[in-house]
N, C-alpha and C. Protein backbone atom coordinates (compact mmCIF):
# COMPACT_ATOMS: atom_id res chain seq x y z
N MET A 1 20.04 19.96 17.93
CA MET A 1 19.86 20.23 16.65
C MET A 1 18.64 19.51 16.04
N THR A 2 17.51 19.75 15.42
CA THR A 2 16.47 18.89 15.66
C THR A 2 16.44 18.45 13.49
N ILE A 3 15.49 17.48 13.37
CA ILE A 3 15.62 17.24 11.61
C ILE A 3 14.49 16.58 11.54
N ASP A 4 13.30 16.59 10.36
CA ASP A 4 12.31 16.01 10.55
C ASP A 4 12.13 15.54 9.13
N ALA A 5 11.05 14.67 8.76
CA ALA A 5 11.22 13.50 7.78
C ALA A 5 11.48 13.90 6.36
N ASN A 6 10.73 15.84 6.51
CA ASN A 6 10.78 16.45 4.62
C ASN A 6 12.66 16.79 4.75
N GLN A 7 12.87 16.74 5.81
CA GLN A 7 14.97 17.25 5.42
C GLN A 7 15.76 16.38 5.55
N ILE A 8 15.07 14.85 6.02
CA ILE A 8 15.96 13.76 5.68
C ILE A 8 15.42 13.17 4.43
N LYS A 9 14.36 13.52 3.83
CA LYS A 9 14.40 12.90 2.36
C LYS A 9 14.77 14.18 1.52
N ALA A 10 14.43 15.05 1.68
CA ALA A 10 15.57 16.42 1.05
C ALA A 10 17.01 16.08 0.45
N LEU A 11 17.72 15.13 1.98
CA LEU A 11 18.86 15.19 1.85
C LEU A 11 19.24 13.76 1.30
N LEU A 12 18.76 13.05 1.22
CA LEU A 12 18.58 11.71 0.14
C LEU A 12 17.95 11.99 -0.99
N ASP A 13 17.15 12.53 -1.59
CA ASP A 13 16.52 12.95 -2.78
C ASP A 13 17.98 13.76 -3.47
N GLU A 14 18.92 14.54 -2.74
CA GLU A 14 19.79 15.12 -3.57
C GLU A 14 21.24 14.24 -3.70
N GLN A 15 21.56 13.25 -3.02
CA GLN A 15 22.17 12.49 -2.82
C GLN A 15 21.96 11.01 -4.01
N LEU A 16 20.58 10.57 -3.87
CA LEU A 16 20.34 9.81 -4.71
C LEU A 16 19.25 9.86 -5.60
N PRO A 17 19.56 10.58 -6.49
CA PRO A 17 18.58 11.48 -7.50
C PRO A 17 17.79 10.39 -8.03
N ASP A 18 18.25 9.17 -8.53
CA ASP A 18 17.73 8.37 -9.41
C ASP A 18 16.53 7.41 -8.25
N CYS A 19 16.32 7.54 -7.19
CA CYS A 19 15.74 7.07 -6.22
C CYS A 19 14.46 7.10 -6.19
N ASP A 20 13.43 6.81 -6.04
CA ASP A 20 11.98 7.03 -5.11
C ASP A 20 11.75 6.88 -3.56
N ILE A 21 11.84 7.92 -2.92
CA ILE A 21 12.43 8.09 -1.86
C ILE A 21 10.99 8.25 -0.79
N THR A 22 10.57 7.52 0.19
CA THR A 22 9.70 8.03 1.09
C THR A 22 10.24 8.24 2.37
N VAL A 23 9.99 8.80 3.24
CA VAL A 23 10.51 9.18 4.48
C VAL A 23 9.08 9.42 5.80
N GLN A 24 9.40 9.11 6.71
CA GLN A 24 7.65 8.85 7.44
C GLN A 24 8.98 8.64 8.97
N GLY A 25 8.51 9.50 10.17
CA GLY A 25 8.68 9.31 11.83
C GLY A 25 8.75 10.69 12.09
N GLU A 26 8.60 11.11 13.07
CA GLU A 26 8.94 12.25 14.00
C GLU A 26 10.23 12.31 15.53
N GLY A 27 10.40 13.19 15.81
CA GLY A 27 11.47 13.06 17.07
C GLY A 27 12.66 12.62 16.37
N ALA A 28 13.03 11.58 17.08
CA ALA A 28 14.59 11.36 16.84
C ALA A 28 14.51 9.62 15.44
N LYS A 29 13.12 9.20 15.59
CA LYS A 29 13.14 8.03 15.28
C LYS A 29 12.60 8.58 13.80
N PHE A 30 12.98 7.54 12.52
CA PHE A 30 12.53 7.64 11.17
C PHE A 30 12.71 6.19 10.22
N GLN A 31 11.66 6.04 9.86
CA GLN A 31 11.71 4.90 8.46
C GLN A 31 11.69 5.34 6.59
N VAL A 32 13.02 5.01 6.47
CA VAL A 32 13.35 5.41 4.88
C VAL A 32 12.89 4.03 3.99
N PHE A 33 12.55 4.12 3.08
CA PHE A 33 12.07 3.28 2.33
C PHE A 33 12.23 4.07 0.93
N ALA A 34 13.16 3.21 0.00
CA ALA A 34 13.89 3.68 -1.30
C ALA A 34 13.63 2.66 -2.10
N VAL A 35 13.59 3.19 -3.19
CA VAL A 35 13.63 2.08 -4.35
C VAL A 35 14.31 2.66 -6.01
N GLY A 36 15.25 2.07 -6.22
CA GLY A 36 16.28 2.58 -7.18
C GLY A 36 17.51 1.53 -7.03
N ASP A 37 17.91 1.66 -8.87
CA ASP A 37 18.75 1.28 -9.16
C ASP A 37 19.96 1.40 -8.64
N THR A 38 20.19 1.91 -7.81
CA THR A 38 21.27 2.72 -7.25
C THR A 38 22.12 1.34 -6.49
N PHE A 39 21.00 0.76 -5.85
CA PHE A 39 20.59 -0.87 -4.87
C PHE A 39 21.06 -2.29 -5.62
N SER A 40 21.03 -2.26 -6.94
CA SER A 40 21.37 -3.30 -7.49
C SER A 40 23.09 -3.83 -7.38
N GLY A 41 23.04 -4.85 -7.69
CA GLY A 41 24.36 -5.56 -6.87
C GLY A 41 24.56 -5.46 -5.50
N LEU A 42 23.75 -4.88 -4.64
CA LEU A 42 24.44 -4.51 -3.35
C LEU A 42 23.94 -5.57 -2.32
N ASN A 43 24.52 -6.03 -1.03
CA ASN A 43 23.63 -6.70 -0.57
C ASN A 43 23.05 -5.84 0.73
N PRO A 44 22.43 -6.37 1.16
CA PRO A 44 21.55 -5.35 2.17
C PRO A 44 22.42 -4.02 2.95
N VAL A 45 23.70 -5.30 3.88
CA VAL A 45 24.73 -4.04 4.54
C VAL A 45 24.99 -3.04 3.64
N LYS A 46 24.90 -3.07 2.66
CA LYS A 46 25.67 -2.19 2.02
C LYS A 46 25.05 -1.44 1.09
N ARG A 47 24.15 -2.13 0.88
CA ARG A 47 22.50 -0.87 1.21
C ARG A 47 22.12 -0.24 1.74
N GLN A 48 22.24 -0.55 3.28
CA GLN A 48 22.22 0.12 4.90
C GLN A 48 23.37 1.45 4.52
N GLN A 49 24.71 0.89 4.14
CA GLN A 49 25.86 2.14 4.39
C GLN A 49 25.47 2.84 3.57
N LYS A 50 25.09 2.62 2.63
CA LYS A 50 24.97 3.80 1.70
C LYS A 50 23.85 5.27 1.83
N ILE A 51 22.90 4.50 2.95
CA ILE A 51 22.11 5.62 3.37
C ILE A 51 22.49 6.15 4.70
N TYR A 52 23.41 5.74 5.41
CA TYR A 52 24.08 5.88 6.60
C TYR A 52 24.98 6.82 6.24
N GLN A 53 25.85 6.85 4.95
CA GLN A 53 27.52 7.22 4.83
C GLN A 53 26.38 8.89 4.63
N ILE A 54 25.02 8.94 3.82
CA ILE A 54 24.52 10.59 4.27
C ILE A 54 24.02 11.00 5.14
N LEU A 55 23.41 10.45 5.92
CA LEU A 55 23.08 10.44 7.47
C LEU A 55 23.21 10.33 8.32
N ASN A 56 24.99 10.03 8.26
CA ASN A 56 26.31 9.92 9.69
C ASN A 56 25.88 11.09 10.12
N PRO A 57 26.23 12.30 9.82
CA PRO A 57 26.38 13.97 10.24
C PRO A 57 24.88 14.26 11.30
N HIS A 58 23.88 13.66 10.98
CA HIS A 58 22.65 13.50 11.82
C HIS A 58 22.33 12.67 13.26
N ILE A 59 23.35 11.74 12.68
CA ILE A 59 22.74 10.42 13.59
C ILE A 59 24.29 10.68 14.86
N ALA A 60 25.37 11.49 14.36
CA ALA A 60 26.17 11.69 15.50
C ALA A 60 25.83 13.06 15.71
N SER A 61 25.02 13.94 15.78
CA SER A 61 24.56 14.92 16.35
C SER A 61 23.43 14.62 16.76
N GLY A 62 23.01 13.73 17.45
CA GLY A 62 21.69 13.15 17.57
C GLY A 62 20.62 13.19 16.99
N ALA A 63 20.75 14.19 16.18
CA ALA A 63 19.85 14.51 15.73
C ALA A 63 18.25 13.25 15.58
N ILE A 64 19.18 12.54 14.72
CA ILE A 64 18.69 11.17 14.23
C ILE A 64 18.75 10.28 15.22
N HIS A 65 18.10 9.27 15.81
CA HIS A 65 18.34 8.06 16.82
C HIS A 65 18.40 6.89 16.23
N ALA A 66 17.61 6.42 15.72
CA ALA A 66 17.16 5.32 14.93
C ALA A 66 16.47 5.54 13.35
N VAL A 67 16.75 4.72 12.67
CA VAL A 67 16.16 4.60 12.01
C VAL A 67 16.36 2.99 10.46
N SER A 68 15.33 3.14 10.33
CA SER A 68 14.81 1.46 10.02
C SER A 68 14.71 1.94 8.32
N MET A 69 14.93 0.77 7.79
CA MET A 69 14.93 0.98 6.25
C MET A 69 14.78 0.16 5.68
N ARG A 70 14.28 -0.52 4.31
CA ARG A 70 13.76 -1.00 3.64
C ARG A 70 13.93 -0.26 1.98
N LEU A 71 15.01 -0.87 1.63
CA LEU A 71 15.77 -0.58 0.18
C LEU A 71 15.94 -1.56 -0.37
N MET A 72 15.36 -1.30 -1.70
CA MET A 72 15.47 -2.28 -2.56
C MET A 72 15.57 -1.70 -4.49
N THR A 73 15.60 -2.11 -5.20
CA THR A 73 15.58 -2.40 -6.46
C THR A 73 14.83 -2.09 -7.33
N LEU A 74 14.39 -1.41 -8.63
CA LEU A 74 12.90 -1.22 -9.23
C LEU A 74 12.49 -2.48 -9.67
N ALA A 75 13.29 -3.57 -10.08
CA ALA A 75 12.76 -4.88 -10.30
C ALA A 75 12.17 -5.64 -9.13
N GLU A 76 13.52 -5.41 -8.16
CA GLU A 76 12.37 -5.79 -6.86
C GLU A 76 11.29 -5.69 -6.21
N ARG A 77 10.99 -4.71 -6.55
CA ARG A 77 9.53 -3.77 -5.77
C ARG A 77 8.69 -4.00 -7.18
N ALA A 78 8.76 -4.24 -8.22
CA ALA A 78 7.98 -5.11 -8.91
C ALA A 78 7.37 -6.21 -9.16
N ALA A 79 8.47 -6.98 -8.45
CA ALA A 79 8.12 -8.48 -8.42
C ALA A 79 7.27 -8.68 -7.17
N GLN A 80 7.00 -7.28 -6.23
CA GLN A 80 6.07 -7.73 -5.32
C GLN A 80 4.69 -7.27 -5.37
N LEU A 81 4.79 -6.61 -6.62
CA LEU A 81 3.17 -6.12 -7.08
C LEU A 81 2.62 -6.76 -8.01
């Protein structure tokens, strides 16, 4: 079973509709960049767990081998601009 960046983005968009999500990568290695207030009040580990919860079936199947993440709130992103 294989999965591509567009399919991962669709999965994340469905579960996190209020986030602005970008997914890059190929093979089984992907980078997820997500911005949304769903991450407010969550430490970095809890933010990653939110993403892993959605992607776990594909990680378990081997379709996704590695995921790096950059997850932030709207205010955190605005502070960087």
